[in-house]
Amino acid sequence: MTAKECIKGRRSIRKFKDQKVSGELLSGIVETASYSPSWKHTQITRYIAIDDSSILKKIADDCTPVYNSNIIQQSPMLIAVTFIKGRCGFERDGSYSTKKEDRWQMFDVGAACQTFCLAAKEKGLGTVIMGIFDEDKITELLEIPEERELAALIAVGWPDIDPEAPKRKSVDDLLQFR
């Protein structure tokens, strides 16, 4: 599969087969995702793999709206994507490097999430990135250390659907030359 085929073929998958994702396979995906670019090579993104059904149930029932809960309830694995706070977008003296201040943290995590999802697609897995959840409850449940922050959840598993690509905007709508 070429990079273009992988990018064009990746969809948000919201229905998964009842089949586990191996730790070995996941480790390979994270190793690939580790090549995602980051601010001054800070590599702030960290992953927590959750496949314990009781924890998945608590997250689904207590920490997410119904549309995300439905995905998590039948997903064999959920990835909590976190980042190390205070490193990305900062100079060594702690001052902000740009007007964007610490918002670069989410930029780097976003790039890492997409790289993770493309690496999973290459291995035949489906993913969906979720951003609506009770951050405080999940942080407590997963005992995420204070120096890290929860950025996103990614449901991952073997796809049980093959959705069509939605219509895309034309290049003329997306690109300007000056």
Protein backbone atom coordinates (compact mmCIF):
# COMPACT_ATOMS: atom_id res chain seq x y z
CA MET A 1 0.00 0.00 0.00
CA THR A 2 1.39 3.40 -0.93
CA ALA A 3 1.20 6.35 1.42
CA LYS A 4 -1.44 7.95 -0.83
CA GLU A 5 -3.53 4.76 -0.83
CA CYS A 6 -3.31 4.58 2.95
CA ILE A 7 -4.31 8.23 3.39
CA LYS A 8 -7.16 8.02 0.87
CA GLY A 9 -8.37 4.68 2.26
CA ARG A 10 -8.41 5.58 5.95
CA ARG A 11 -11.88 6.15 7.39
CA SER A 12 -13.20 6.74 10.88
CA ILE A 13 -14.36 3.28 11.92
CA ARG A 14 -17.13 3.13 14.50
CA LYS A 15 -17.95 -0.58 14.41
CA PHE A 16 -15.45 -3.33 15.16
CA LYS A 17 -15.28 -7.11 15.07
CA ASP A 18 -15.12 -8.94 18.39
CA GLN A 19 -11.43 -9.71 17.94
CA LYS A 20 -8.53 -8.62 20.15
CA VAL A 21 -5.65 -6.43 19.01
CA SER A 22 -2.34 -7.94 20.07
CA GLY A 23 0.17 -6.03 22.14
CA GLU A 24 2.84 -6.85 19.59
CA LEU A 25 0.82 -5.33 16.76
CA LEU A 26 0.05 -2.24 18.83
CA SER A 27 3.73 -1.83 19.77
CA GLY A 28 4.64 -1.79 16.09
CA ILE A 29 2.01 0.87 15.39
CA VAL A 30 3.29 3.06 18.24
CA GLU A 31 6.87 2.58 17.00
CA THR A 32 5.79 3.89 13.59
CA ALA A 33 3.82 6.75 15.18
CA SER A 34 6.94 7.74 17.12
CA TYR A 35 8.27 9.15 13.84
CA SER A 36 5.56 11.80 13.85
CA PRO A 37 7.07 15.29 13.81
CA SER A 38 7.09 17.33 17.00
CA TRP A 39 8.09 20.80 18.20
CA LYS A 40 11.88 20.91 18.53
CA HIS A 41 11.76 17.09 18.57
CA THR A 42 10.16 17.12 22.03
CA GLN A 43 8.19 13.90 21.32
CA ILE A 44 5.55 14.71 23.96
CA THR A 45 2.87 12.21 22.91
CA ARG A 46 2.24 9.15 25.08
CA TYR A 47 -0.27 6.30 24.64
CA ILE A 48 -2.22 4.27 27.18
CA ALA A 49 -3.74 1.09 25.71
CA ILE A 50 -6.95 -0.02 27.41
CA ASP A 51 -8.32 -3.47 26.66
CA ASP A 52 -9.67 -4.33 30.12
CA SER A 53 -13.43 -4.63 29.57
CA SER A 54 -14.28 -3.25 33.02
CA ILE A 55 -12.27 -0.06 32.38
CA LEU A 56 -13.72 0.26 28.88
CA LYS A 57 -17.21 -0.06 30.38
CA LYS A 58 -16.51 2.65 32.98
CA ILE A 59 -15.22 5.03 30.30
CA ALA A 60 -18.18 4.27 28.04
CA ASP A 61 -20.81 4.54 30.79
CA ASP A 62 -19.42 7.36 32.93
CA CYS A 63 -17.12 9.48 30.79
CA THR A 64 -18.45 9.84 27.26
CA PRO A 65 -21.63 10.96 25.47
CA VAL A 66 -23.83 8.22 24.02
CA TYR A 67 -22.46 8.41 20.46
CA ASN A 68 -18.88 7.82 21.71
CA SER A 69 -20.07 5.38 24.37
CA ASN A 70 -21.61 3.18 21.68
CA ILE A 71 -18.27 2.99 19.86
CA ILE A 72 -16.25 2.25 23.00
CA GLN A 73 -18.69 -0.44 24.21
CA GLN A 74 -17.95 -2.66 21.23
CA SER A 75 -14.33 -1.65 20.63
CA PRO A 76 -11.71 -4.22 21.66
CA MET A 77 -9.20 -1.49 22.54
CA LEU A 78 -9.15 2.17 23.38
CA ILE A 79 -6.05 4.33 23.28
CA ALA A 80 -5.88 7.29 25.64
CA VAL A 81 -3.54 9.74 23.94
CA THR A 82 -1.75 12.00 26.41
CA PHE A 83 1.03 14.53 26.22
CA ILE A 84 3.72 15.82 28.55
CA LYS A 85 2.74 19.35 29.55
CA GLY A 86 4.99 22.38 29.36
CA ARG A 87 7.51 21.22 26.74
CA CYS A 88 6.03 21.97 23.34
CA GLY A 89 5.89 25.62 22.28
CA PHE A 90 8.28 26.74 24.99
CA GLU A 91 11.86 27.90 25.16
CA ARG A 92 14.24 26.38 27.71
CA ASP A 93 13.62 29.32 30.06
CA GLY A 94 9.89 28.52 30.12
CA SER A 95 8.77 31.43 27.93
CA TYR A 96 6.53 30.85 24.92
CA SER A 97 8.28 30.62 21.58
CA THR A 98 5.38 31.99 19.51
CA LYS A 99 2.07 33.79 19.84
CA LYS A 100 0.41 30.36 19.78
CA GLU A 101 1.83 29.82 23.28
CA ASP A 102 1.20 26.22 24.42
CA ARG A 103 -1.31 25.38 21.65
CA TRP A 104 1.49 23.65 19.76
CA GLN A 105 1.02 20.76 22.19
CA MET A 106 -2.30 19.87 20.57
CA PHE A 107 -0.82 20.34 17.09
CA ASP A 108 1.89 17.79 17.87
CA VAL A 109 -0.58 15.37 19.45
CA GLY A 110 -2.89 15.76 16.44
CA ALA A 111 -0.05 14.90 14.06
CA ALA A 112 0.83 11.90 16.24
CA CYS A 113 -2.81 10.73 16.31
CA GLN A 114 -3.07 10.85 12.53
CA THR A 115 0.25 9.02 12.15
CA PHE A 116 -0.98 6.38 14.63
CA CYS A 117 -4.23 5.95 12.66
CA LEU A 118 -2.42 5.64 9.33
CA ALA A 119 0.00 3.08 10.80
CA ALA A 120 -3.01 1.13 12.14
CA LYS A 121 -4.70 1.30 8.70
CA GLU A 122 -1.57 -0.11 7.08
CA LYS A 123 -1.87 -3.14 9.42
CA GLY A 124 -5.58 -3.64 8.60
CA LEU A 125 -6.98 -2.02 11.74
CA GLY A 126 -9.67 0.63 11.93
CA THR A 127 -9.63 3.68 14.18
CA VAL A 128 -11.68 6.69 15.15
CA ILE A 129 -10.33 9.69 17.04
CA MET A 130 -12.70 11.01 19.73
CA GLY A 131 -12.42 14.36 21.46
CA ILE A 132 -15.59 14.63 23.52
CA PHE A 133 -15.22 13.01 26.95
CA ASP A 134 -14.98 13.85 30.63
CA GLU A 135 -11.27 14.56 30.85
CA ASP A 136 -11.17 14.76 34.65
CA LYS A 137 -12.93 11.42 35.20
CA ILE A 138 -10.77 9.57 32.67
CA THR A 139 -7.60 11.16 34.04
CA GLU A 140 -8.52 9.93 37.52
CA LEU A 141 -9.64 6.48 36.33
CA LEU A 142 -6.44 5.88 34.37
CA GLU A 143 -4.25 7.53 37.02
CA ILE A 144 -2.65 9.79 34.42
CA PRO A 145 0.27 11.56 36.10
CA GLU A 146 -0.04 15.28 36.83
CA GLU A 147 2.68 16.19 34.33
CA ARG A 148 0.60 14.71 31.49
CA GLU A 149 -2.72 15.73 29.98
CA LEU A 150 -5.34 13.67 28.16
CA ALA A 151 -5.73 14.94 24.59
CA ALA A 152 -7.82 12.35 22.71
CA LEU A 153 -9.23 8.85 22.72
CA ILE A 154 -8.76 6.50 19.78
CA ALA A 155 -10.93 3.41 19.42
CA VAL A 156 -8.98 0.74 17.58
CA GLY A 157 -9.86 -2.71 16.29
CA TRP A 158 -10.58 -4.87 13.31
CA PRO A 159 -13.19 -3.04 11.19
CA ASP A 160 -16.66 -4.52 10.88
CA ILE A 161 -17.67 -1.90 8.30
CA ASP A 162 -16.13 -0.47 5.14
CA PRO A 163 -17.56 3.02 4.74
CA GLU A 164 -17.37 4.92 1.47
CA ALA A 165 -15.25 8.03 1.28
CA PRO A 166 -17.26 11.19 1.82
CA LYS A 167 -17.13 13.85 -0.87
CA ARG A 168 -13.99 15.98 -0.64
CA LYS A 169 -13.54 19.64 -1.44
CA SER A 170 -11.70 20.37 -4.67
CA VAL A 171 -8.08 21.46 -4.70
CA ASP A 172 -9.29 24.82 -6.04
CA ASP A 173 -11.31 25.26 -2.80
CA LEU A 174 -8.39 24.23 -0.60
CA LEU A 175 -5.33 25.80 -2.21
CA GLN A 176 -4.33 29.38 -2.94
CA PHE A 177 -1.23 30.67 -4.66
CA ARG A 178 0.11 34.19 -4.03
